[in-house]
Protein backbone atom coordinates (compact mmCIF):
# COMPACT_ATOMS: atom_id res chain seq x y z
CA UNK A 1 0.00 0.00 0.00
CA UNK A 2 1.09 3.55 -0.72
CA UNK A 3 0.33 6.85 0.95
CA UNK A 4 -1.22 9.68 -1.05
CA UNK A 5 -1.65 13.36 -0.26
CA UNK A 6 -5.08 14.36 -1.53
CA UNK A 7 -5.80 18.06 -2.00
CA UNK A 8 -9.45 18.87 -1.36
CA UNK A 9 -11.77 21.56 -2.71
CA UNK A 10 -13.87 23.19 0.03
CA UNK A 11 -17.57 23.32 -0.85
CA UNK A 12 -17.71 27.10 -0.31
CA UNK A 13 -14.95 27.80 -2.86
CA UNK A 14 -16.11 29.14 -6.22
CA UNK A 15 -14.88 27.21 -9.29
CA UNK A 16 -12.91 30.20 -10.56
CA UNK A 17 -11.05 30.39 -7.22
CA UNK A 18 -9.84 26.78 -7.14
CA UNK A 19 -6.65 27.13 -9.20
CA UNK A 20 -5.56 30.29 -7.40
CA UNK A 21 -6.11 28.61 -4.02
CA UNK A 22 -4.22 25.53 -5.21
CA UNK A 23 -1.31 27.64 -6.48
CA UNK A 24 -1.05 29.39 -3.12
CA UNK A 25 -1.32 26.04 -1.27
CA UNK A 26 -4.44 27.24 0.53
CA UNK A 27 -6.50 24.08 -0.06
CA UNK A 28 -6.93 21.50 2.73
CA UNK A 29 -5.25 18.12 2.41
CA UNK A 30 -5.69 14.61 3.76
CA UNK A 31 -3.32 11.62 3.67
CA UNK A 32 -4.90 8.40 2.38
CA UNK A 33 -3.47 4.88 2.25
CA UNK A 34 -4.42 3.03 -0.93
CA UNK A 35 -3.13 0.77 -3.65
CA UNK A 36 -3.24 3.48 -6.32
CA UNK A 37 -4.09 7.14 -6.86
CA UNK A 38 -7.60 6.49 -8.21
CA UNK A 39 -8.54 4.50 -5.12
CA UNK A 40 -7.02 7.22 -2.91
CA UNK A 41 -9.11 9.87 -4.72
CA UNK A 42 -12.30 7.89 -4.10
CA UNK A 43 -11.48 7.25 -0.45
CA UNK A 44 -10.66 10.93 0.14
CA UNK A 45 -13.98 11.94 -1.39
CA UNK A 46 -15.94 9.39 0.63
CA UNK A 47 -14.14 10.29 3.87
CA UNK A 48 -14.56 14.06 3.53
CA UNK A 49 -17.52 14.56 1.21
CA UNK A 50 -15.39 17.06 -0.73
CA UNK A 51 -14.20 17.07 -4.31
CA UNK A 52 -10.54 16.14 -4.76
CA UNK A 53 -8.38 18.55 -6.73
CA UNK A 54 -5.14 16.57 -6.85
CA UNK A 55 -3.58 13.32 -5.63
CA UNK A 56 0.18 12.95 -5.12
CA UNK A 57 2.00 9.83 -3.98
CA UNK A 58 4.07 10.38 -0.83
CA UNK A 59 7.47 8.65 -0.85
CA UNK A 60 7.72 5.91 1.79
CA UNK A 61 10.30 7.85 3.83
CA UNK A 62 8.00 10.90 4.03
CA UNK A 63 4.94 8.77 4.78
CA UNK A 64 6.62 7.39 7.91
CA UNK A 65 7.16 10.96 9.12
CA UNK A 66 3.48 11.78 8.44
CA UNK A 67 2.28 8.76 10.44
CA UNK A 68 4.49 9.70 13.40
CA UNK A 69 3.06 13.22 13.59
C-alpha atoms as a PDB file:
ATOM      1  CA  UNK A   1       0.000   0.000   0.000  1.00  0.00           C
ATOM      2  CA  UNK A   2       1.089   3.554  -0.720  1.00  0.00           C
ATOM      3  CA  UNK A   3       0.330   6.852   0.952  1.00  0.00           C
ATOM      4  CA  UNK A   4      -1.219   9.680  -1.049  1.00  0.00           C
ATOM      5  CA  UNK A   5      -1.650  13.356  -0.260  1.00  0.00           C
ATOM      6  CA  UNK A   6      -5.076  14.363  -1.526  1.00  0.00           C
ATOM      7  CA  UNK A   7      -5.797  18.060  -2.000  1.00  0.00           C
ATOM      8  CA  UNK A   8      -9.445  18.870  -1.358  1.00  0.00           C
ATOM      9  CA  UNK A   9     -11.768  21.558  -2.714  1.00  0.00           C
ATOM     10  CA  UNK A  10     -13.873  23.188   0.026  1.00  0.00           C
ATOM     11  CA  UNK A  11     -17.569  23.320  -0.850  1.00  0.00           C
ATOM     12  CA  UNK A  12     -17.711  27.098  -0.308  1.00  0.00           C
ATOM     13  CA  UNK A  13     -14.949  27.798  -2.859  1.00  0.00           C
ATOM     14  CA  UNK A  14     -16.115  29.143  -6.221  1.00  0.00           C
ATOM     15  CA  UNK A  15     -14.880  27.206  -9.289  1.00  0.00           C
ATOM     16  CA  UNK A  16     -12.913  30.201 -10.556  1.00  0.00           C
ATOM     17  CA  UNK A  17     -11.054  30.388  -7.218  1.00  0.00           C
ATOM     18  CA  UNK A  18      -9.839  26.784  -7.141  1.00  0.00           C
ATOM     19  CA  UNK A  19      -6.652  27.133  -9.204  1.00  0.00           C
ATOM     20  CA  UNK A  20      -5.558  30.293  -7.399  1.00  0.00           C
ATOM     21  CA  UNK A  21      -6.110  28.612  -4.017  1.00  0.00           C
ATOM     22  CA  UNK A  22      -4.216  25.535  -5.215  1.00  0.00           C
ATOM     23  CA  UNK A  23      -1.306  27.640  -6.479  1.00  0.00           C
ATOM     24  CA  UNK A  24      -1.053  29.390  -3.115  1.00  0.00           C
ATOM     25  CA  UNK A  25      -1.318  26.040  -1.273  1.00  0.00           C
ATOM     26  CA  UNK A  26      -4.443  27.242   0.535  1.00  0.00           C
ATOM     27  CA  UNK A  27      -6.502  24.080  -0.065  1.00  0.00           C
ATOM     28  CA  UNK A  28      -6.930  21.503   2.728  1.00  0.00           C
ATOM     29  CA  UNK A  29      -5.249  18.117   2.411  1.00  0.00           C
ATOM     30  CA  UNK A  30      -5.693  14.609   3.764  1.00  0.00           C
ATOM     31  CA  UNK A  31      -3.324  11.618   3.672  1.00  0.00           C
ATOM     32  CA  UNK A  32      -4.905   8.399   2.380  1.00  0.00           C
ATOM     33  CA  UNK A  33      -3.470   4.876   2.249  1.00  0.00           C
ATOM     34  CA  UNK A  34      -4.423   3.031  -0.932  1.00  0.00           C
ATOM     35  CA  UNK A  35      -3.127   0.771  -3.652  1.00  0.00           C
ATOM     36  CA  UNK A  36      -3.235   3.479  -6.324  1.00  0.00           C
ATOM     37  CA  UNK A  37      -4.092   7.144  -6.860  1.00  0.00           C
ATOM     38  CA  UNK A  38      -7.597   6.489  -8.206  1.00  0.00           C
ATOM     39  CA  UNK A  39      -8.544   4.499  -5.123  1.00  0.00           C
ATOM     40  CA  UNK A  40      -7.023   7.222  -2.914  1.00  0.00           C
ATOM     41  CA  UNK A  41      -9.112   9.873  -4.720  1.00  0.00           C
ATOM     42  CA  UNK A  42     -12.298   7.891  -4.098  1.00  0.00           C
ATOM     43  CA  UNK A  43     -11.477   7.251  -0.446  1.00  0.00           C
ATOM     44  CA  UNK A  44     -10.663  10.929   0.143  1.00  0.00           C
ATOM     45  CA  UNK A  45     -13.978  11.942  -1.394  1.00  0.00           C
ATOM     46  CA  UNK A  46     -15.944   9.395   0.632  1.00  0.00           C
ATOM     47  CA  UNK A  47     -14.144  10.293   3.871  1.00  0.00           C
ATOM     48  CA  UNK A  48     -14.560  14.055   3.529  1.00  0.00           C
ATOM     49  CA  UNK A  49     -17.515  14.560   1.211  1.00  0.00           C
ATOM     50  CA  UNK A  50     -15.387  17.062  -0.727  1.00  0.00           C
ATOM     51  CA  UNK A  51     -14.202  17.067  -4.310  1.00  0.00           C
ATOM     52  CA  UNK A  52     -10.539  16.138  -4.763  1.00  0.00           C
ATOM     53  CA  UNK A  53      -8.382  18.555  -6.735  1.00  0.00           C
ATOM     54  CA  UNK A  54      -5.145  16.572  -6.855  1.00  0.00           C
ATOM     55  CA  UNK A  55      -3.582  13.322  -5.634  1.00  0.00           C
ATOM     56  CA  UNK A  56       0.176  12.947  -5.117  1.00  0.00           C
ATOM     57  CA  UNK A  57       2.003   9.829  -3.977  1.00  0.00           C
ATOM     58  CA  UNK A  58       4.071  10.381  -0.834  1.00  0.00           C
ATOM     59  CA  UNK A  59       7.475   8.651  -0.851  1.00  0.00           C
ATOM     60  CA  UNK A  60       7.724   5.908   1.793  1.00  0.00           C
ATOM     61  CA  UNK A  61      10.300   7.849   3.826  1.00  0.00           C
ATOM     62  CA  UNK A  62       8.004  10.899   4.030  1.00  0.00           C
ATOM     63  CA  UNK A  63       4.940   8.765   4.779  1.00  0.00           C
ATOM     64  CA  UNK A  64       6.620   7.386   7.908  1.00  0.00           C
ATOM     65  CA  UNK A  65       7.155  10.956   9.116  1.00  0.00           C
ATOM     66  CA  UNK A  66       3.477  11.777   8.442  1.00  0.00           C
ATOM     67  CA  UNK A  67       2.279   8.763  10.441  1.00  0.00           C
ATOM     68  CA  UNK A  68       4.494   9.700  13.401  1.00  0.00           C
ATOM     69  CA  UNK A  69       3.058  13.218  13.590  1.00  0.00           C
END
